[in-house]
Amino acid sequence: MFSGIGGFRSGLERAEGFKCIGNCEIDKHAEAAYRAMYDTKGEIYYNDARTIDTDSVGDFDLIAGGFPCQSFSVAGHRLGLNDERGNLFLEIARLIEAKRPAFFLLENVPGLLSHNKGQTFKVILTKFSELGYSFEWMVLNSANFGVPQQRRRVFIVGYSRSECAGRIFPVEQGNGKDLNCIIPGSQTWRVYGTEGTACTQCASSGGGGGKTGLYFIDNNRDPKITDHARCITARQDSGVSKRRGEHSAVLVETGPCAVINPSKECVRQNGRRVKGPNEPMYTITVQDRHGIIHQGRIRRLMPIECWRLQGFTDEQFNKAQSVCKANTHLYRMAGNSVTVPVITAIAQKIKAAAEMIGLDTT
């Protein structure tokens, strides 16, 4: 459900023992990428969750999906169940009621837990309880599953058999590995180890026009720098944001750089507010202020890096890019996805529980 580029599918398949019978996705670009990435021959497809005919859907053991989170995110208007998107979890409940799968696996933003002082989450859990399911939930951070991205999400697992209680969560969380720089130097000469998420070539967007990247920097007066990328969002190409904790950027440490009017956001001189290392200072004028940025210039994160930060392979990205060339769509797809290794870790626990109750996972 709400399959996007198949983060759930990839994670489940990597755990082995799972076979997808169909998907539902309304975004035509995400669906085109999905079909390029996976062998969907013989599978059912719906573009709108509200039009799914439960009689035409075969039996299944697990339903998975990240129902739209904009209604609950602290970055949105938080209309919750008063937003049409917030009610789409009811379509998942409708399929669960009709098909009675052994398990369900859902994902959303942590803001779901606190929305409307917890009443929204209570409504959701009450609905699944009325259907006869037990459930458990846990907030997991992608950074603890081998990808250098701070991405906290709440995962809800439900099951029809009470003996599954306590067998899914907690999920073991390791520490994500940072990049290991073997040979230091400027960005074009650095060599990294094979562990961790790979770096790609710089896109020299420069200065205030810099976009997203691996290390966080914001436009506030006391910017915070972190070792992990901040949460990848669907608007990953919209530029460095003044909203705290959003839209990371890379600091390339290549030496001191000249900066003009550092306290002003919109001033440009010769198209840039920040020069490269070892370039001469701007012309001294009466109205302008000058400064130095010692840690270098900002460069944006490439779409393939966003996909890597979500745990997709380069092969998967290349297949998606072959049918969707626009970077805007590729950024959005990554931002809307779940992180694949997190799903794999949960899937392994579900698989063990399924085997315990006698479901065939071979």
Protein backbone atom coordinates (compact mmCIF):
# COMPACT_ATOMS: atom_id res chain seq x y z
CA MET A 1 0.00 0.00 0.00
CA PHE A 2 1.25 3.50 -0.94
CA SER A 3 4.22 1.65 -2.39
CA GLY A 4 6.24 4.55 -3.80
CA ILE A 5 9.51 3.08 -5.09
CA GLY A 6 9.10 -0.10 -3.09
CA GLY A 7 11.11 0.49 0.08
CA PHE A 8 8.96 -2.06 1.90
CA ARG A 9 9.26 -4.52 -0.96
CA SER A 10 13.04 -4.23 -1.18
CA GLY A 11 13.40 -4.64 2.57
CA LEU A 12 11.11 -7.67 2.70
CA GLU A 13 12.76 -9.34 -0.27
CA ARG A 14 16.21 -8.90 1.26
CA ALA A 15 14.97 -10.71 4.35
CA GLU A 16 13.92 -13.59 2.04
CA GLY A 17 10.76 -15.66 2.42
CA PHE A 18 8.44 -12.90 1.15
CA LYS A 19 6.80 -12.64 -2.28
CA CYS A 20 4.86 -9.56 -3.39
CA ILE A 21 1.41 -10.12 -4.93
CA GLY A 22 0.58 -6.50 -5.75
CA ASN A 23 0.91 -2.83 -4.96
CA CYS A 24 -1.02 0.43 -4.84
CA GLU A 25 0.48 3.81 -5.76
CA ILE A 26 -1.17 6.97 -7.04
CA ASP A 27 1.96 8.87 -8.15
CA LYS A 28 2.59 8.00 -11.81
CA HIS A 29 6.31 8.78 -11.63
CA ALA A 30 6.87 6.60 -8.57
CA GLU A 31 4.86 3.80 -10.15
CA ALA A 32 6.89 3.97 -13.37
CA ALA A 33 10.09 3.72 -11.33
CA TYR A 34 8.61 0.84 -9.31
CA ARG A 35 7.83 -1.16 -12.44
CA ALA A 36 11.32 -0.51 -13.79
CA MET A 37 12.91 -1.69 -10.56
CA TYR A 38 10.93 -4.88 -9.91
CA ASP A 39 9.49 -7.82 -11.81
CA THR A 40 5.76 -7.12 -11.44
CA LYS A 41 4.51 -9.60 -14.01
CA GLY A 42 1.29 -11.25 -12.82
CA GLU A 43 0.87 -8.88 -9.87
CA ILE A 44 -2.25 -6.80 -9.21
CA TYR A 45 -2.07 -3.02 -9.23
CA TYR A 46 -4.32 -0.19 -8.11
CA ASN A 47 -3.51 3.49 -8.49
CA ASP A 48 -5.96 4.61 -5.79
CA ALA A 49 -6.38 2.86 -2.44
CA ARG A 50 -10.03 3.91 -2.31
CA THR A 51 -10.87 1.93 -5.46
CA ILE A 52 -9.40 -1.41 -4.37
CA ASP A 53 -11.91 -4.20 -4.85
CA THR A 54 -11.21 -6.62 -2.00
CA ASP A 55 -12.91 -9.46 -3.89
CA SER A 56 -10.34 -9.20 -6.69
CA VAL A 57 -7.37 -9.34 -4.32
CA GLY A 58 -6.06 -12.78 -3.48
CA ASP A 59 -5.23 -13.90 0.04
CA PHE A 60 -2.04 -12.61 1.60
CA ASP A 61 -0.19 -13.01 4.89
CA LEU A 62 1.18 -9.50 5.29
CA ILE A 63 0.07 -6.02 4.27
CA ALA A 64 2.68 -3.27 4.48
CA GLY A 65 2.61 0.44 3.84
CA GLY A 66 3.55 3.90 4.99
CA PHE A 67 0.25 5.75 4.90
CA PRO A 68 0.63 9.47 4.08
CA CYS A 69 2.32 11.31 6.93
CA GLN A 70 1.84 14.97 5.99
CA SER A 71 -1.20 15.23 8.25
CA PHE A 72 0.81 14.25 11.33
CA SER A 73 4.27 15.66 10.64
CA VAL A 74 5.46 18.58 12.76
CA ALA A 75 6.65 20.12 9.46
CA GLY A 76 3.09 20.25 8.11
CA HIS A 77 -0.24 21.76 9.16
CA ARG A 78 -1.02 18.71 11.36
CA LEU A 79 -4.67 18.45 10.36
CA GLY A 80 -4.58 14.77 11.22
CA LEU A 81 -7.75 12.82 10.57
CA ASN A 82 -9.41 16.01 9.31
CA ASP A 83 -7.10 15.78 6.28
CA GLU A 84 -8.20 13.38 3.54
CA ARG A 85 -4.68 11.96 3.43
CA GLY A 86 -4.79 11.26 7.15
CA ASN A 87 -7.80 9.01 6.71
CA LEU A 88 -6.11 6.74 4.18
CA PHE A 89 -5.10 4.37 6.96
CA LEU A 90 -8.78 3.36 6.90
CA GLU A 91 -8.20 1.85 3.45
CA ILE A 92 -5.53 -0.39 4.97
CA ALA A 93 -7.97 -1.31 7.72
CA ARG A 94 -10.59 -2.11 5.08
CA LEU A 95 -8.29 -4.62 3.40
CA ILE A 96 -7.28 -6.11 6.72
CA GLU A 97 -10.92 -6.61 7.68
CA ALA A 98 -11.73 -8.27 4.35
CA LYS A 99 -8.64 -10.49 3.93
CA ARG A 100 -7.58 -11.17 7.54
CA PRO A 101 -3.79 -11.35 6.99
CA ALA A 102 -1.62 -12.77 9.75
CA PHE A 103 0.45 -9.57 9.98
CA PHE A 104 0.47 -5.92 9.05
CA LEU A 105 3.43 -3.51 9.06
CA LEU A 106 2.88 0.25 8.96
CA GLU A 107 5.16 3.28 9.08
CA ASN A 108 4.69 6.96 9.82
CA VAL A 109 6.38 9.98 11.34
CA PRO A 110 6.88 10.07 15.14
CA GLY A 111 4.52 13.06 15.21
CA LEU A 112 1.69 10.56 14.83
CA LEU A 113 2.22 9.53 18.46
CA SER A 114 1.72 13.04 19.83
CA HIS A 115 -0.81 14.44 17.36
CA ASN A 116 -3.89 15.81 19.11
CA LYS A 117 -2.36 14.83 22.47
CA GLY A 118 -2.28 11.18 21.45
CA GLN A 119 -5.95 10.95 20.53
CA THR A 120 -5.25 10.37 16.82
CA PHE A 121 -2.97 7.43 17.57
CA LYS A 122 -5.59 6.09 19.97
CA VAL A 123 -8.20 6.17 17.19
CA ILE A 124 -5.91 4.21 14.87
CA LEU A 125 -5.04 1.59 17.46
CA THR A 126 -8.67 1.27 18.50
CA LYS A 127 -9.63 0.55 14.91
CA PHE A 128 -7.13 -2.30 14.61
CA SER A 129 -8.14 -3.62 18.02
CA GLU A 130 -11.76 -3.75 16.90
CA LEU A 131 -10.62 -5.88 13.97
CA GLY A 132 -9.23 -8.41 16.44
CA TYR A 133 -5.53 -7.63 16.07
CA SER A 134 -2.84 -7.17 18.69
CA PHE A 135 -0.03 -4.76 17.93
CA GLU A 136 3.17 -3.16 19.10
CA TRP A 137 5.13 -0.16 17.92
CA MET A 138 8.61 1.31 18.12
CA VAL A 139 10.40 4.45 16.92
CA LEU A 140 13.51 3.48 14.93
CA ASN A 141 16.29 5.67 13.55
CA SER A 142 17.73 4.80 10.13
CA ALA A 143 21.18 5.91 11.34
CA ASN A 144 21.29 2.77 13.49
CA PHE A 145 20.80 0.45 10.53
CA GLY A 146 23.89 1.07 8.42
CA VAL A 147 22.92 4.28 6.59
CA PRO A 148 24.29 7.69 7.67
CA GLN A 149 20.94 9.47 7.85
CA GLN A 150 19.06 10.67 10.91
CA ARG A 151 15.53 9.50 10.13
CA ARG A 152 13.23 8.64 13.01
CA ARG A 153 10.02 6.83 12.11
CA VAL A 154 7.41 4.95 14.10
CA PHE A 155 6.70 1.40 12.94
CA ILE A 156 3.53 -0.44 13.92
CA VAL A 157 3.32 -4.22 13.66
CA GLY A 158 0.02 -6.03 14.09
CA TYR A 159 -0.72 -9.75 14.26
CA SER A 160 -3.80 -11.91 14.48
CA ARG A 161 -2.23 -14.55 16.75
CA SER A 162 -1.62 -13.55 20.36
CA GLU A 163 1.44 -15.80 20.69
CA CYS A 164 3.31 -13.35 18.43
CA ALA A 165 3.21 -10.73 21.18
CA GLY A 166 6.66 -9.40 22.05
CA ARG A 167 8.40 -11.30 19.25
CA ILE A 168 8.80 -8.39 16.81
CA PHE A 169 9.98 -5.46 18.90
CA PRO A 170 12.46 -4.44 20.08
CA VAL A 171 14.54 -4.70 16.92
CA GLU A 172 18.30 -4.78 17.34
CA GLN A 173 19.84 -1.46 16.38
CA GLY A 174 23.51 -1.19 15.51
CA ASN A 175 25.41 2.01 14.93
CA GLY A 176 25.64 3.33 11.38
CA LYS A 177 29.18 3.61 10.06
CA ASP A 178 30.52 7.00 9.08
CA LEU A 179 32.60 7.41 5.97
CA ASN A 180 36.27 6.57 6.47
CA CYS A 181 38.55 8.98 4.61
CA ILE A 182 41.67 7.01 3.67
CA ILE A 183 43.46 9.75 1.73
CA PRO A 184 42.59 13.33 2.82
CA GLY A 185 42.60 16.41 0.66
CA SER A 186 40.19 18.46 -1.41
CA GLN A 187 36.92 16.83 -2.41
CA THR A 188 38.16 15.91 -5.87
CA TRP A 189 41.19 14.10 -4.45
CA ARG A 190 39.77 12.39 -1.37
CA VAL A 191 39.65 8.60 -1.26
CA TYR A 192 37.14 6.83 1.01
CA GLY A 193 36.99 3.28 2.29
CA THR A 194 34.47 0.83 0.86
CA GLU A 195 32.44 0.75 4.09
CA GLY A 196 29.61 3.22 4.56
CA THR A 197 27.77 5.33 2.02
CA ALA A 198 29.88 6.36 -0.94
CA CYS A 199 30.62 9.96 -1.86
CA THR A 200 30.07 11.16 -5.39
CA GLN A 201 31.45 14.11 -7.32
CA CYS A 202 30.63 17.62 -6.17
CA ALA A 203 27.94 19.70 -7.80
CA SER A 204 29.38 23.19 -7.41
CA SER A 205 26.18 25.04 -6.67
CA GLY A 206 28.09 27.45 -4.42
CA GLY A 207 27.25 29.89 -1.65
CA GLY A 208 23.69 30.63 -0.65
CA GLY A 209 22.51 28.72 -3.71
CA GLY A 210 23.92 25.50 -2.29
CA LYS A 211 21.46 22.69 -1.81
CA THR A 212 21.29 19.52 0.19
CA GLY A 213 24.19 17.33 1.21
CA LEU A 214 25.72 14.87 3.61
CA TYR A 215 26.58 17.17 6.50
CA PHE A 216 24.05 19.49 8.03
CA ILE A 217 24.28 23.26 7.86
CA ASP A 218 21.44 25.76 8.13
CA ASN A 219 20.96 29.48 7.53
CA ASN A 220 20.42 30.31 11.18
CA ARG A 221 22.98 32.32 13.10
CA ASP A 222 24.18 29.32 15.10
CA PRO A 223 24.19 26.54 12.47
CA LYS A 224 24.52 23.00 13.74
CA ILE A 225 26.87 20.56 12.01
CA THR A 226 26.29 16.82 12.33
CA ASP A 227 28.10 13.70 11.16
CA HIS A 228 24.92 12.16 9.73
CA ALA A 229 22.73 13.60 7.00
CA ARG A 230 19.44 14.97 8.23
CA CYS A 231 16.18 13.26 7.29
CA ILE A 232 15.79 13.00 3.50
CA THR A 233 12.53 14.68 2.49
CA ALA A 234 10.39 14.70 -0.62
CA ARG A 235 11.47 18.32 -1.22
CA GLN A 236 15.14 17.44 -1.08
CA ASP A 237 16.05 19.73 -3.98
CA SER A 238 14.35 22.87 -2.66
CA GLY A 239 17.51 24.39 -1.21
CA VAL A 240 19.04 24.95 2.21
CA SER A 241 16.19 25.65 4.61
CA LYS A 242 15.87 28.02 7.56
CA ARG A 243 13.74 25.35 9.26
CA ARG A 244 15.98 23.67 11.81
CA GLY A 245 16.97 20.10 11.10
CA GLU A 246 15.83 20.18 7.47
CA HIS A 247 17.68 20.06 4.14
CA SER A 248 21.30 19.22 4.89
CA ALA A 249 24.29 20.52 2.98
CA VAL A 250 27.90 19.45 2.56
CA LEU A 251 30.81 21.45 3.91
CA VAL A 252 33.84 20.77 1.70
CA GLU A 253 36.87 21.59 3.79
CA THR A 254 39.21 23.10 1.19
CA GLY A 255 40.52 26.15 3.02
CA PRO A 256 39.35 29.69 3.86
CA CYS A 257 36.80 31.26 1.52
CA ALA A 258 35.70 34.86 1.09
CA VAL A 259 32.08 35.66 1.93
CA ILE A 260 30.21 38.92 1.38
CA ASN A 261 27.45 40.16 3.70
CA PRO A 262 27.25 36.90 5.68
CA SER A 263 24.25 38.09 7.73
CA LYS A 264 22.15 38.77 4.61
CA GLU A 265 20.50 35.90 2.81
CA CYS A 266 19.60 37.39 -0.56
CA VAL A 267 22.61 39.54 -1.46
CA ARG A 268 24.58 38.40 -4.50
CA GLN A 269 27.85 39.69 -5.95
CA ASN A 270 28.90 38.32 -9.32
CA GLY A 271 26.30 35.61 -8.78
CA ARG A 272 27.82 34.35 -5.52
CA ARG A 273 28.02 35.26 -1.84
CA VAL A 274 30.87 32.83 -1.16
CA LYS A 275 34.08 32.39 -3.17
CA GLY A 276 36.23 29.33 -3.53
CA PRO A 277 39.42 28.81 -1.52
CA ASN A 278 42.36 31.05 -2.38
CA GLU A 279 40.24 33.36 -4.53
CA PRO A 280 40.74 37.09 -3.83
CA MET A 281 38.34 38.98 -1.58
CA TYR A 282 35.41 40.90 -3.01
CA THR A 283 35.91 44.56 -3.86
CA ILE A 284 35.76 46.61 -0.68
CA THR A 285 32.74 48.91 -0.74
CA VAL A 286 30.97 51.18 1.73
CA GLN A 287 27.77 49.18 2.01
CA ASP A 288 29.13 45.63 1.97
CA ARG A 289 30.53 43.53 4.81
CA HIS A 290 33.09 40.83 4.25
CA GLY A 291 34.05 37.69 6.02
CA ILE A 292 35.72 34.30 5.76
CA ILE A 293 34.21 30.84 5.74
CA HIS A 294 37.00 28.54 6.83
CA GLN A 295 35.17 25.25 6.35
CA GLY A 296 34.55 25.68 2.64
CA ARG A 297 31.60 25.90 0.30
CA ILE A 298 28.31 24.07 0.23
CA ARG A 299 27.55 21.42 -2.34
CA ARG A 300 24.25 19.67 -2.91
CA LEU A 301 23.42 16.03 -2.47
CA MET A 302 22.88 14.17 -5.73
CA PRO A 303 19.72 12.09 -6.28
CA ILE A 304 21.70 8.84 -6.27
CA GLU A 305 23.12 9.76 -2.86
CA CYS A 306 19.61 10.31 -1.50
CA TRP A 307 18.69 6.83 -2.72
CA ARG A 308 21.82 5.39 -1.12
CA LEU A 309 20.89 7.08 2.15
CA GLN A 310 17.59 5.19 1.97
CA GLY A 311 19.38 1.89 1.40
CA PHE A 312 18.63 1.37 -2.30
CA THR A 313 21.29 -0.03 -4.59
CA ASP A 314 22.82 1.92 -7.46
CA GLU A 315 21.31 -0.66 -9.81
CA GLN A 316 17.85 0.15 -8.51
CA PHE A 317 18.47 3.88 -8.89
CA ASN A 318 19.71 3.45 -12.45
CA LYS A 319 16.60 1.49 -13.39
CA ALA A 320 14.37 4.19 -11.93
CA GLN A 321 16.36 6.95 -13.61
CA SER A 322 15.98 5.22 -16.97
CA VAL A 323 12.23 5.92 -16.89
CA CYS A 324 12.26 9.10 -14.81
CA LYS A 325 14.98 11.55 -15.78
CA ALA A 326 13.85 14.57 -13.74
CA ASN A 327 15.88 15.07 -10.58
CA THR A 328 12.89 16.65 -8.87
CA HIS A 329 10.96 13.38 -9.07
CA LEU A 330 13.98 11.31 -8.04
CA TYR A 331 14.50 13.47 -4.95
CA ARG A 332 10.80 13.21 -4.06
CA MET A 333 10.80 9.43 -4.47
CA ALA A 334 13.71 9.07 -2.06
CA GLY A 335 12.18 11.44 0.47
CA ASN A 336 8.86 9.63 0.47
CA SER A 337 10.40 6.17 0.85
CA VAL A 338 11.10 4.07 3.90
CA THR A 339 14.70 3.11 4.63
CA VAL A 340 15.26 -0.37 3.23
CA PRO A 341 17.62 -1.82 5.90
CA VAL A 342 15.15 -0.87 8.65
CA ILE A 343 12.40 -2.83 6.90
CA THR A 344 14.73 -5.80 6.46
CA ALA A 345 15.48 -5.88 10.19
CA ILE A 346 11.77 -5.83 11.06
CA ALA A 347 10.98 -8.35 8.32
CA GLN A 348 13.41 -10.85 9.80
CA LYS A 349 11.54 -10.69 13.11
CA ILE A 350 8.18 -11.06 11.35
CA LYS A 351 9.54 -14.03 9.42
CA ALA A 352 10.63 -15.74 12.64
CA ALA A 353 7.21 -15.11 14.18
CA ALA A 354 5.49 -16.45 11.05
CA GLU A 355 7.53 -19.64 11.22
CA MET A 356 6.70 -19.97 14.90
CA ILE A 357 2.95 -19.97 14.19
CA GLY A 358 3.36 -22.35 11.27
CA LEU A 359 3.17 -20.09 8.21
CA ASP A 360 5.11 -21.38 5.23
CA THR A 361 7.90 -18.89 4.40
CA THR A 362 9.91 -21.09 2.04
